[in-house]
Amino acid sequence: MPKINSLVLLLMAVTLTTIVQAALAKEEPPLEERSGEVVLPKVTELQSKEKPNAAATAIGSRGQLLYEDHCQACHTSVVHVRETHKAQTLKDLEYWVTHWSDELKLPWGADEVRDVVDYLNVRYYKIDGSTTQPQ
């Protein structure tokens, strides 16, 4: 039963993330007056038009949700901040995330692995080249 609940929560999180990203990507028309009534701006119009930085994107992201749901039971933050951690490069970090997702038989593709790597890198490792995604 707990596995089903975790899967449902993960699917809901991914679905909500997709819906929110689609809504944020929509261009809203400028503020207009219609027959004496002011149409209030939507939340997306109030947000900054600047692209969020990597730290803001990774923290509170799908990568964080995936990590907390599947990895955090065994990997406390101590694993990532100790001086002798095994991942020294982004490629190392990607290897370990892939390795453990395979060991746990998680149905993760390249996107999920990349999201978790990005989250871990921004949160703990701070390896140069803060993203594994192609530039």
C-alpha atoms as a PDB file:
ATOM      1  CA  MET A   1       0.000   0.000   0.000  1.00  0.00           C
ATOM      2  CA  PRO A   2       2.759   2.579   0.785  1.00  0.00           C
ATOM      3  CA  LYS A   3       4.314   2.008  -2.665  1.00  0.00           C
ATOM      4  CA  ILE A   4       0.981   2.766  -4.312  1.00  0.00           C
ATOM      5  CA  ASN A   5       0.585   5.945  -2.260  1.00  0.00           C
ATOM      6  CA  SER A   6       4.108   7.060  -3.169  1.00  0.00           C
ATOM      7  CA  LEU A   7       3.478   6.371  -6.833  1.00  0.00           C
ATOM      8  CA  VAL A   8       0.196   8.277  -6.755  1.00  0.00           C
ATOM      9  CA  LEU A   9       1.869  11.229  -5.028  1.00  0.00           C
ATOM     10  CA  LEU A  10       4.715  11.207  -7.534  1.00  0.00           C
ATOM     11  CA  LEU A  11       2.318  11.099 -10.479  1.00  0.00           C
ATOM     12  CA  MET A  12       0.288  13.939  -8.977  1.00  0.00           C
ATOM     13  CA  ALA A  13       3.444  16.013  -8.441  1.00  0.00           C
ATOM     14  CA  VAL A  14       4.629  15.430 -11.999  1.00  0.00           C
ATOM     15  CA  THR A  15       1.173  16.234 -13.390  1.00  0.00           C
ATOM     16  CA  LEU A  16       0.880  19.417 -11.334  1.00  0.00           C
ATOM     17  CA  THR A  17       4.384  20.466 -12.339  1.00  0.00           C
ATOM     18  CA  THR A  18       3.500  19.971 -16.001  1.00  0.00           C
ATOM     19  CA  ILE A  19       0.255  21.924 -15.649  1.00  0.00           C
ATOM     20  CA  VAL A  20       1.941  24.800 -13.815  1.00  0.00           C
ATOM     21  CA  GLN A  21       4.792  24.955 -16.336  1.00  0.00           C
ATOM     22  CA  ALA A  22       2.301  25.022 -19.222  1.00  0.00           C
ATOM     23  CA  ALA A  23       0.305  27.788 -17.533  1.00  0.00           C
ATOM     24  CA  LEU A  24       3.440  29.832 -16.837  1.00  0.00           C
ATOM     25  CA  ALA A  25       4.600  29.450 -20.431  1.00  0.00           C
ATOM     26  CA  LYS A  26       1.347  30.925 -21.764  1.00  0.00           C
ATOM     27  CA  GLU A  27       1.549  34.549 -22.822  1.00  0.00           C
ATOM     28  CA  GLU A  28      -1.278  36.499 -21.238  1.00  0.00           C
ATOM     29  CA  PRO A  29      -2.715  39.578 -22.931  1.00  0.00           C
ATOM     30  CA  PRO A  30      -1.832  42.942 -21.400  1.00  0.00           C
ATOM     31  CA  LEU A  31      -4.023  44.522 -18.751  1.00  0.00           C
ATOM     32  CA  GLU A  32      -7.133  45.966 -20.394  1.00  0.00           C
ATOM     33  CA  GLU A  33     -10.214  47.895 -19.428  1.00  0.00           C
ATOM     34  CA  ARG A  34     -13.503  46.465 -20.581  1.00  0.00           C
ATOM     35  CA  SER A  35     -16.710  48.452 -20.235  1.00  0.00           C
ATOM     36  CA  GLY A  36     -15.479  50.317 -17.171  1.00  0.00           C
ATOM     37  CA  GLU A  37     -14.211  47.183 -15.420  1.00  0.00           C
ATOM     38  CA  VAL A  38     -10.531  46.590 -14.913  1.00  0.00           C
ATOM     39  CA  VAL A  39      -9.395  43.070 -15.724  1.00  0.00           C
ATOM     40  CA  LEU A  40      -6.882  42.101 -13.049  1.00  0.00           C
ATOM     41  CA  PRO A  41      -3.612  40.559 -14.172  1.00  0.00           C
ATOM     42  CA  LYS A  42      -3.110  36.860 -13.714  1.00  0.00           C
ATOM     43  CA  VAL A  43      -0.431  35.653 -11.329  1.00  0.00           C
ATOM     44  CA  THR A  44       1.933  34.956 -14.240  1.00  0.00           C
ATOM     45  CA  GLU A  45       1.873  38.655 -15.209  1.00  0.00           C
ATOM     46  CA  LEU A  46       2.980  39.631 -11.730  1.00  0.00           C
ATOM     47  CA  GLN A  47       5.975  37.331 -11.772  1.00  0.00           C
ATOM     48  CA  SER A  48       9.356  38.460 -12.975  1.00  0.00           C
ATOM     49  CA  LYS A  49      10.014  37.890 -16.661  1.00  0.00           C
ATOM     50  CA  GLU A  50      13.611  36.916 -15.849  1.00  0.00           C
ATOM     51  CA  LYS A  51      14.579  33.281 -16.058  1.00  0.00           C
ATOM     52  CA  PRO A  52      14.969  31.756 -12.574  1.00  0.00           C
ATOM     53  CA  ASN A  53      18.487  30.796 -11.559  1.00  0.00           C
ATOM     54  CA  ALA A  54      19.553  27.171 -11.263  1.00  0.00           C
ATOM     55  CA  ALA A  55      19.297  27.137  -7.464  1.00  0.00           C
ATOM     56  CA  ALA A  56      15.728  28.437  -7.456  1.00  0.00           C
ATOM     57  CA  THR A  57      14.763  25.966 -10.170  1.00  0.00           C
ATOM     58  CA  ALA A  58      16.367  22.903  -8.559  1.00  0.00           C
ATOM     59  CA  ILE A  59      15.139  23.495  -5.012  1.00  0.00           C
ATOM     60  CA  GLY A  60      11.436  22.722  -4.947  1.00  0.00           C
ATOM     61  CA  SER A  61      11.726  20.895  -8.242  1.00  0.00           C
ATOM     62  CA  ARG A  62      10.762  17.514  -9.601  1.00  0.00           C
ATOM     63  CA  GLY A  63      14.350  16.414  -8.894  1.00  0.00           C
ATOM     64  CA  GLN A  64      13.883  17.253  -5.229  1.00  0.00           C
ATOM     65  CA  LEU A  65      10.560  15.401  -5.126  1.00  0.00           C
ATOM     66  CA  LEU A  66      12.053  12.327  -6.802  1.00  0.00           C
ATOM     67  CA  TYR A  67      15.042  12.364  -4.449  1.00  0.00           C
ATOM     68  CA  GLU A  68      12.922  12.786  -1.326  1.00  0.00           C
ATOM     69  CA  ASP A  69      10.492  10.079  -2.407  1.00  0.00           C
ATOM     70  CA  HIS A  70      12.978   7.432  -3.540  1.00  0.00           C
ATOM     71  CA  CYS A  71      16.456   8.183  -2.197  1.00  0.00           C
ATOM     72  CA  GLN A  72      16.216  10.000   1.106  1.00  0.00           C
ATOM     73  CA  ALA A  73      15.203   6.904   3.065  1.00  0.00           C
ATOM     74  CA  CYS A  74      18.789   5.617   2.747  1.00  0.00           C
ATOM     75  CA  HIS A  75      20.699   8.789   1.830  1.00  0.00           C
ATOM     76  CA  THR A  76      20.618  11.468   4.455  1.00  0.00           C
ATOM     77  CA  SER A  77      22.302  14.780   3.661  1.00  0.00           C
ATOM     78  CA  VAL A  78      25.439  13.515   5.477  1.00  0.00           C
ATOM     79  CA  VAL A  79      26.180  11.303   2.467  1.00  0.00           C
ATOM     80  CA  HIS A  80      26.426  14.344   0.221  1.00  0.00           C
ATOM     81  CA  VAL A  81      28.405  16.715   2.438  1.00  0.00           C
ATOM     82  CA  ARG A  82      31.112  14.414   3.758  1.00  0.00           C
ATOM     83  CA  GLU A  83      34.588  15.139   2.432  1.00  0.00           C
ATOM     84  CA  THR A  84      34.990  11.673   0.944  1.00  0.00           C
ATOM     85  CA  HIS A  85      31.844  11.583  -1.175  1.00  0.00           C
ATOM     86  CA  LYS A  86      32.299   9.510  -4.321  1.00  0.00           C
ATOM     87  CA  ALA A  87      30.918  12.017  -6.837  1.00  0.00           C
ATOM     88  CA  GLN A  88      33.568  14.546  -7.836  1.00  0.00           C
ATOM     89  CA  THR A  89      32.160  15.469 -11.257  1.00  0.00           C
ATOM     90  CA  LEU A  90      28.691  15.788 -12.762  1.00  0.00           C
ATOM     91  CA  LYS A  91      29.375  12.595 -14.709  1.00  0.00           C
ATOM     92  CA  ASP A  92      30.154  10.806 -11.407  1.00  0.00           C
ATOM     93  CA  LEU A  93      26.981  12.164  -9.859  1.00  0.00           C
ATOM     94  CA  GLU A  94      24.940  11.072 -12.880  1.00  0.00           C
ATOM     95  CA  TYR A  95      26.536   7.609 -12.687  1.00  0.00           C
ATOM     96  CA  TRP A  96      25.528   7.168  -9.029  1.00  0.00           C
ATOM     97  CA  VAL A  97      21.973   8.413  -9.528  1.00  0.00           C
ATOM     98  CA  THR A  98      21.592   6.063 -12.513  1.00  0.00           C
ATOM     99  CA  HIS A  99      23.198   3.190 -10.587  1.00  0.00           C
ATOM    100  CA  TRP A 100      20.848   3.479  -7.609  1.00  0.00           C
ATOM    101  CA  SER A 101      17.749   4.087  -9.720  1.00  0.00           C
ATOM    102  CA  ASP A 102      18.592   0.860 -11.583  1.00  0.00           C
ATOM    103  CA  GLU A 103      19.252  -0.985  -8.290  1.00  0.00           C
ATOM    104  CA  LEU A 104      15.859   0.110  -6.987  1.00  0.00           C
ATOM    105  CA  LYS A 105      14.247  -0.746 -10.340  1.00  0.00           C
ATOM    106  CA  LEU A 106      12.826   2.759 -10.636  1.00  0.00           C
ATOM    107  CA  PRO A 107      11.269   3.546 -14.021  1.00  0.00           C
ATOM    108  CA  TRP A 108      13.474   6.627 -14.444  1.00  0.00           C
ATOM    109  CA  GLY A 109      14.563   7.854 -17.820  1.00  0.00           C
ATOM    110  CA  ALA A 110      17.243  10.414 -18.646  1.00  0.00           C
ATOM    111  CA  ASP A 111      14.989  13.330 -17.620  1.00  0.00           C
ATOM    112  CA  GLU A 112      14.384  12.022 -14.109  1.00  0.00           C
ATOM    113  CA  VAL A 113      18.070  11.226 -13.612  1.00  0.00           C
ATOM    114  CA  ARG A 114      19.035  14.704 -14.882  1.00  0.00           C
ATOM    115  CA  ASP A 115      16.509  16.368 -12.562  1.00  0.00           C
ATOM    116  CA  VAL A 116      17.849  14.519  -9.512  1.00  0.00           C
ATOM    117  CA  VAL A 117      21.470  15.232 -10.529  1.00  0.00           C
ATOM    118  CA  ASP A 118      20.665  18.926 -10.962  1.00  0.00           C
ATOM    119  CA  TYR A 119      18.915  19.035  -7.585  1.00  0.00           C
ATOM    120  CA  LEU A 120      21.788  17.277  -5.787  1.00  0.00           C
ATOM    121  CA  ASN A 121      24.392  19.436  -7.487  1.00  0.00           C
ATOM    122  CA  VAL A 122      22.680  22.707  -6.611  1.00  0.00           C
ATOM    123  CA  ARG A 123      21.771  21.594  -3.082  1.00  0.00           C
ATOM    124  CA  TYR A 124      24.976  19.822  -2.038  1.00  0.00           C
ATOM    125  CA  TYR A 125      27.783  19.347  -4.542  1.00  0.00           C
ATOM    126  CA  LYS A 126      28.089  22.701  -6.323  1.00  0.00           C
ATOM    127  CA  ILE A 127      30.199  21.217  -9.089  1.00  0.00           C
ATOM    128  CA  ASP A 128      31.135  23.624 -11.906  1.00  0.00           C
ATOM    129  CA  GLY A 129      28.747  23.343 -14.833  1.00  0.00           C
ATOM    130  CA  SER A 130      25.680  23.444 -12.599  1.00  0.00           C
ATOM    131  CA  THR A 131      23.477  21.484 -14.979  1.00  0.00           C
ATOM    132  CA  THR A 132      23.807  18.232 -16.894  1.00  0.00           C
ATOM    133  CA  GLN A 133      21.439  19.494 -19.566  1.00  0.00           C
ATOM    134  CA  PRO A 134      22.958  20.547 -22.896  1.00  0.00           C
ATOM    135  CA  GLN A 135      23.547  24.298 -23.059  1.00  0.00           C
END
